[in-house]
Amino acid sequence: MIQKLNHKRIPISEQIRAVFQVSYPVEAALLKAVNFPPLHRSLNDFLNSETEFFGYWKEQELAAVIEVKREPASTHIQSLVVAPQFFRQGLASALLEFVLNSYHTSTFTVETGLANGPATDLYQRFLFKEVSQYDTEHGIRKIRFEKKITT
């Protein structure tokens, strides 16, 4: 079940952060990243975030989280994480589809590490198109995707 998460409440932010903390080491390993900034997000970073969070609950556990930033002309998917014990169960796809159906903007954007094959495959399956690549100050090659919605 997908529901909006009230990240301003400490217990909810703790659960969100826990999913990030078990998911992001997997991505860091894929990217061969030694210093991976998403792993350094504090509880206060989540509590004070201006983004929106939606969670996928499975077996009464927060199994996956998508973080969304509303921008004037677009919607940016800030993060999409799945706890490793729930990998390959369609949770990321369900959350992504939920956001695409819930946010009514003409453009959706997302970025991930270029070497994160599962993430890049997911976005391409949802018809996101590569718009750029760049290197971060932490030595990670990133790829930016965009999806245009036509009516």
C-alpha atoms as a PDB file:
ATOM      1  CA  MET A   1       0.000   0.000   0.000  1.00  0.00           C
ATOM      2  CA  ILE A   2       1.304   3.449  -0.937  1.00  0.00           C
ATOM      3  CA  GLN A   3       0.658   6.419   1.310  1.00  0.00           C
ATOM      4  CA  LYS A   4       1.987   9.902   1.933  1.00  0.00           C
ATOM      5  CA  LEU A   5       4.477  10.014   4.791  1.00  0.00           C
ATOM      6  CA  ASN A   6       4.415  12.855   7.304  1.00  0.00           C
ATOM      7  CA  HIS A   7       8.180  13.327   7.517  1.00  0.00           C
ATOM      8  CA  LYS A   8       7.733  16.190   9.998  1.00  0.00           C
ATOM      9  CA  ARG A   9       7.018  13.551  12.662  1.00  0.00           C
ATOM     10  CA  ILE A  10      10.163  12.056  14.205  1.00  0.00           C
ATOM     11  CA  PRO A  11       9.034   8.386  14.167  1.00  0.00           C
ATOM     12  CA  ILE A  12       8.132   8.615  10.475  1.00  0.00           C
ATOM     13  CA  SER A  13      11.382  10.388   9.572  1.00  0.00           C
ATOM     14  CA  GLU A  14      13.286   7.713  11.472  1.00  0.00           C
ATOM     15  CA  GLN A  15      11.590   5.032   9.368  1.00  0.00           C
ATOM     16  CA  ILE A  16      12.285   6.925   6.139  1.00  0.00           C
ATOM     17  CA  ARG A  17      15.925   7.383   7.078  1.00  0.00           C
ATOM     18  CA  ALA A  18      16.231   3.689   7.983  1.00  0.00           C
ATOM     19  CA  VAL A  19      15.146   2.674   4.474  1.00  0.00           C
ATOM     20  CA  PHE A  20      17.645   5.130   2.968  1.00  0.00           C
ATOM     21  CA  GLN A  21      20.415   3.772   5.209  1.00  0.00           C
ATOM     22  CA  VAL A  22      19.907   0.151   4.119  1.00  0.00           C
ATOM     23  CA  SER A  23      19.286   0.954   0.445  1.00  0.00           C
ATOM     24  CA  TYR A  24      22.001   3.453  -0.386  1.00  0.00           C
ATOM     25  CA  PRO A  25      24.997   1.226   0.496  1.00  0.00           C
ATOM     26  CA  VAL A  26      23.841  -1.030  -2.369  1.00  0.00           C
ATOM     27  CA  GLU A  27      23.873   1.922  -4.781  1.00  0.00           C
ATOM     28  CA  ALA A  28      27.206   3.147  -3.407  1.00  0.00           C
ATOM     29  CA  ALA A  29      28.694  -0.293  -4.147  1.00  0.00           C
ATOM     30  CA  LEU A  30      27.280  -0.256  -7.706  1.00  0.00           C
ATOM     31  CA  LEU A  31      28.847   3.172  -8.237  1.00  0.00           C
ATOM     32  CA  LYS A  32      32.101   2.201  -6.498  1.00  0.00           C
ATOM     33  CA  ALA A  33      31.623   5.319  -4.374  1.00  0.00           C
ATOM     34  CA  VAL A  34      33.722   5.706  -1.248  1.00  0.00           C
ATOM     35  CA  ASN A  35      32.033   8.885  -0.022  1.00  0.00           C
ATOM     36  CA  PHE A  36      28.333   8.713  -0.885  1.00  0.00           C
ATOM     37  CA  PRO A  37      26.472  11.900   0.170  1.00  0.00           C
ATOM     38  CA  PRO A  38      22.967  10.369   0.458  1.00  0.00           C
ATOM     39  CA  LEU A  39      24.256   8.215   3.320  1.00  0.00           C
ATOM     40  CA  HIS A  40      25.137  11.357   5.257  1.00  0.00           C
ATOM     41  CA  ARG A  41      21.589  12.734   5.482  1.00  0.00           C
ATOM     42  CA  SER A  42      20.729  13.296   9.114  1.00  0.00           C
ATOM     43  CA  LEU A  43      17.372  12.826  10.774  1.00  0.00           C
ATOM     44  CA  ASN A  44      17.053  16.627  10.850  1.00  0.00           C
ATOM     45  CA  ASP A  45      17.601  16.724   7.085  1.00  0.00           C
ATOM     46  CA  PHE A  46      14.497  14.578   6.680  1.00  0.00           C
ATOM     47  CA  LEU A  47      12.464  16.430   9.303  1.00  0.00           C
ATOM     48  CA  ASN A  48      13.221  19.802   7.720  1.00  0.00           C
ATOM     49  CA  SER A  49      12.937  18.749   4.092  1.00  0.00           C
ATOM     50  CA  GLU A  50      10.619  20.723   1.812  1.00  0.00           C
ATOM     51  CA  THR A  51      10.069  17.660  -0.350  1.00  0.00           C
ATOM     52  CA  GLU A  52       7.204  15.184  -0.130  1.00  0.00           C
ATOM     53  CA  PHE A  53       7.656  11.526   0.740  1.00  0.00           C
ATOM     54  CA  PHE A  54       5.491   8.563  -0.187  1.00  0.00           C
ATOM     55  CA  GLY A  55       6.041   5.103   1.178  1.00  0.00           C
ATOM     56  CA  TYR A  56       5.217   1.608   0.073  1.00  0.00           C
ATOM     57  CA  TRP A  57       4.194  -0.506   3.068  1.00  0.00           C
ATOM     58  CA  LYS A  58       4.600  -4.245   2.784  1.00  0.00           C
ATOM     59  CA  GLU A  59       4.149  -6.779   5.562  1.00  0.00           C
ATOM     60  CA  GLN A  60       3.521  -3.823   7.932  1.00  0.00           C
ATOM     61  CA  GLU A  61       6.994  -2.495   7.192  1.00  0.00           C
ATOM     62  CA  LEU A  62       8.092   0.588   5.285  1.00  0.00           C
ATOM     63  CA  ALA A  63       9.683  -1.191   2.341  1.00  0.00           C
ATOM     64  CA  ALA A  64      10.286   1.630  -0.166  1.00  0.00           C
ATOM     65  CA  VAL A  65      10.215   5.432  -0.318  1.00  0.00           C
ATOM     66  CA  ILE A  66       9.988   7.967  -3.109  1.00  0.00           C
ATOM     67  CA  GLU A  67      10.895  11.610  -2.447  1.00  0.00           C
ATOM     68  CA  VAL A  68       9.350  14.227  -4.707  1.00  0.00           C
ATOM     69  CA  LYS A  69      10.134  17.899  -5.178  1.00  0.00           C
ATOM     70  CA  ARG A  70       7.471  20.066  -6.753  1.00  0.00           C
ATOM     71  CA  GLU A  71       8.929  22.721  -8.994  1.00  0.00           C
ATOM     72  CA  PRO A  72       7.003  25.420 -10.857  1.00  0.00           C
ATOM     73  CA  ALA A  73       7.043  23.740 -14.262  1.00  0.00           C
ATOM     74  CA  SER A  74       8.040  20.198 -13.382  1.00  0.00           C
ATOM     75  CA  THR A  75       8.185  17.443 -10.805  1.00  0.00           C
ATOM     76  CA  HIS A  76      11.589  16.170  -9.707  1.00  0.00           C
ATOM     77  CA  ILE A  77      12.028  12.714  -8.234  1.00  0.00           C
ATOM     78  CA  GLN A  78      14.630  13.463  -5.615  1.00  0.00           C
ATOM     79  CA  SER A  79      15.093   9.887  -4.359  1.00  0.00           C
ATOM     80  CA  LEU A  80      13.682   6.421  -4.853  1.00  0.00           C
ATOM     81  CA  VAL A  81      14.867   3.736  -2.454  1.00  0.00           C
ATOM     82  CA  VAL A  82      13.833   0.165  -1.716  1.00  0.00           C
ATOM     83  CA  ALA A  83      15.018  -1.838   1.292  1.00  0.00           C
ATOM     84  CA  PRO A  84      17.165  -4.719  -0.048  1.00  0.00           C
ATOM     85  CA  GLN A  85      14.916  -7.454   1.353  1.00  0.00           C
ATOM     86  CA  PHE A  86      12.171  -6.077  -0.933  1.00  0.00           C
ATOM     87  CA  PHE A  87      14.237  -5.789  -4.141  1.00  0.00           C
ATOM     88  CA  ARG A  88      12.781  -7.202  -7.380  1.00  0.00           C
ATOM     89  CA  GLN A  89       9.170  -7.069  -6.153  1.00  0.00           C
ATOM     90  CA  GLY A  90       7.962  -4.129  -8.258  1.00  0.00           C
ATOM     91  CA  LEU A  91       7.882  -1.590  -5.427  1.00  0.00           C
ATOM     92  CA  ALA A  92      10.013   1.025  -7.215  1.00  0.00           C
ATOM     93  CA  SER A  93       7.831   0.680 -10.315  1.00  0.00           C
ATOM     94  CA  ALA A  94       4.670   1.063  -8.245  1.00  0.00           C
ATOM     95  CA  LEU A  95       5.983   4.209  -6.537  1.00  0.00           C
ATOM     96  CA  LEU A  96       7.167   5.717  -9.803  1.00  0.00           C
ATOM     97  CA  GLU A  97       3.837   5.012 -11.488  1.00  0.00           C
ATOM     98  CA  PHE A  98       2.046   6.523  -8.472  1.00  0.00           C
ATOM     99  CA  VAL A  99       4.003   9.768  -8.807  1.00  0.00           C
ATOM    100  CA  LEU A 100       3.525   9.948 -12.566  1.00  0.00           C
ATOM    101  CA  ASN A 101      -0.234   9.579 -12.064  1.00  0.00           C
ATOM    102  CA  SER A 102      -0.495  11.900  -9.039  1.00  0.00           C
ATOM    103  CA  TYR A 103       1.536  14.937 -10.092  1.00  0.00           C
ATOM    104  CA  HIS A 104       0.050  16.876 -12.952  1.00  0.00           C
ATOM    105  CA  THR A 105       3.023  18.554 -14.581  1.00  0.00           C
ATOM    106  CA  SER A 106       4.241  18.291 -18.145  1.00  0.00           C
ATOM    107  CA  THR A 107       7.796  17.315 -17.179  1.00  0.00           C
ATOM    108  CA  PHE A 108       9.268  14.829 -14.727  1.00  0.00           C
ATOM    109  CA  THR A 109      12.995  14.701 -13.982  1.00  0.00           C
ATOM    110  CA  VAL A 110      15.230  12.319 -12.073  1.00  0.00           C
ATOM    111  CA  GLU A 111      18.958  11.721 -11.644  1.00  0.00           C
ATOM    112  CA  THR A 112      20.919   8.648 -10.644  1.00  0.00           C
ATOM    113  CA  GLY A 113      24.424   7.318 -10.842  1.00  0.00           C
ATOM    114  CA  LEU A 114      25.275   6.245 -14.383  1.00  0.00           C
ATOM    115  CA  ALA A 115      26.523   2.854 -13.157  1.00  0.00           C
ATOM    116  CA  ASN A 116      23.266   2.170 -11.306  1.00  0.00           C
ATOM    117  CA  GLY A 117      21.896  -0.225 -13.896  1.00  0.00           C
ATOM    118  CA  PRO A 118      18.684  -1.150 -12.043  1.00  0.00           C
ATOM    119  CA  ALA A 119      17.704   2.522 -11.680  1.00  0.00           C
ATOM    120  CA  THR A 120      18.570   3.529 -15.234  1.00  0.00           C
ATOM    121  CA  ASP A 121      16.675   0.480 -16.549  1.00  0.00           C
ATOM    122  CA  LEU A 122      13.637   1.443 -14.442  1.00  0.00           C
ATOM    123  CA  TYR A 123      13.514   5.008 -15.736  1.00  0.00           C
ATOM    124  CA  GLN A 124      13.999   3.903 -19.332  1.00  0.00           C
ATOM    125  CA  ARG A 125      11.157   1.360 -18.978  1.00  0.00           C
ATOM    126  CA  PHE A 126       8.954   4.305 -17.964  1.00  0.00           C
ATOM    127  CA  LEU A 127      10.099   6.154 -21.116  1.00  0.00           C
ATOM    128  CA  PHE A 128      12.346   8.675 -19.402  1.00  0.00           C
ATOM    129  CA  LYS A 129      14.958   9.978 -21.844  1.00  0.00           C
ATOM    130  CA  GLU A 130      18.553  10.847 -21.049  1.00  0.00           C
ATOM    131  CA  VAL A 131      19.132  14.600 -21.206  1.00  0.00           C
ATOM    132  CA  SER A 132      22.617  14.925 -19.713  1.00  0.00           C
ATOM    133  CA  GLN A 133      25.514  13.361 -17.845  1.00  0.00           C
ATOM    134  CA  TYR A 134      27.949  15.009 -15.465  1.00  0.00           C
ATOM    135  CA  ASP A 135      30.557  14.250 -12.804  1.00  0.00           C
ATOM    136  CA  THR A 136      29.941  15.193  -9.177  1.00  0.00           C
ATOM    137  CA  GLU A 137      32.570  16.612  -6.858  1.00  0.00           C
ATOM    138  CA  HIS A 138      32.573  13.166  -5.205  1.00  0.00           C
ATOM    139  CA  GLY A 139      33.695  11.495  -8.422  1.00  0.00           C
ATOM    140  CA  ILE A 140      30.343   9.942  -9.290  1.00  0.00           C
ATOM    141  CA  ARG A 141      29.157  10.040 -12.893  1.00  0.00           C
ATOM    142  CA  LYS A 142      25.471  11.023 -12.869  1.00  0.00           C
ATOM    143  CA  ILE A 143      22.800  10.756 -15.519  1.00  0.00           C
ATOM    144  CA  ARG A 144      19.757  13.020 -15.718  1.00  0.00           C
ATOM    145  CA  PHE A 145      16.519  11.773 -17.233  1.00  0.00           C
ATOM    146  CA  GLU A 146      13.414  13.636 -18.287  1.00  0.00           C
ATOM    147  CA  LYS A 147       9.928  12.506 -19.208  1.00  0.00           C
ATOM    148  CA  LYS A 148       7.588  14.833 -21.093  1.00  0.00           C
ATOM    149  CA  ILE A 149       3.864  14.299 -20.712  1.00  0.00           C
ATOM    150  CA  THR A 150       1.808  15.342 -23.704  1.00  0.00           C
ATOM    151  CA  THR A 151      -1.918  15.839 -23.535  1.00  0.00           C
END
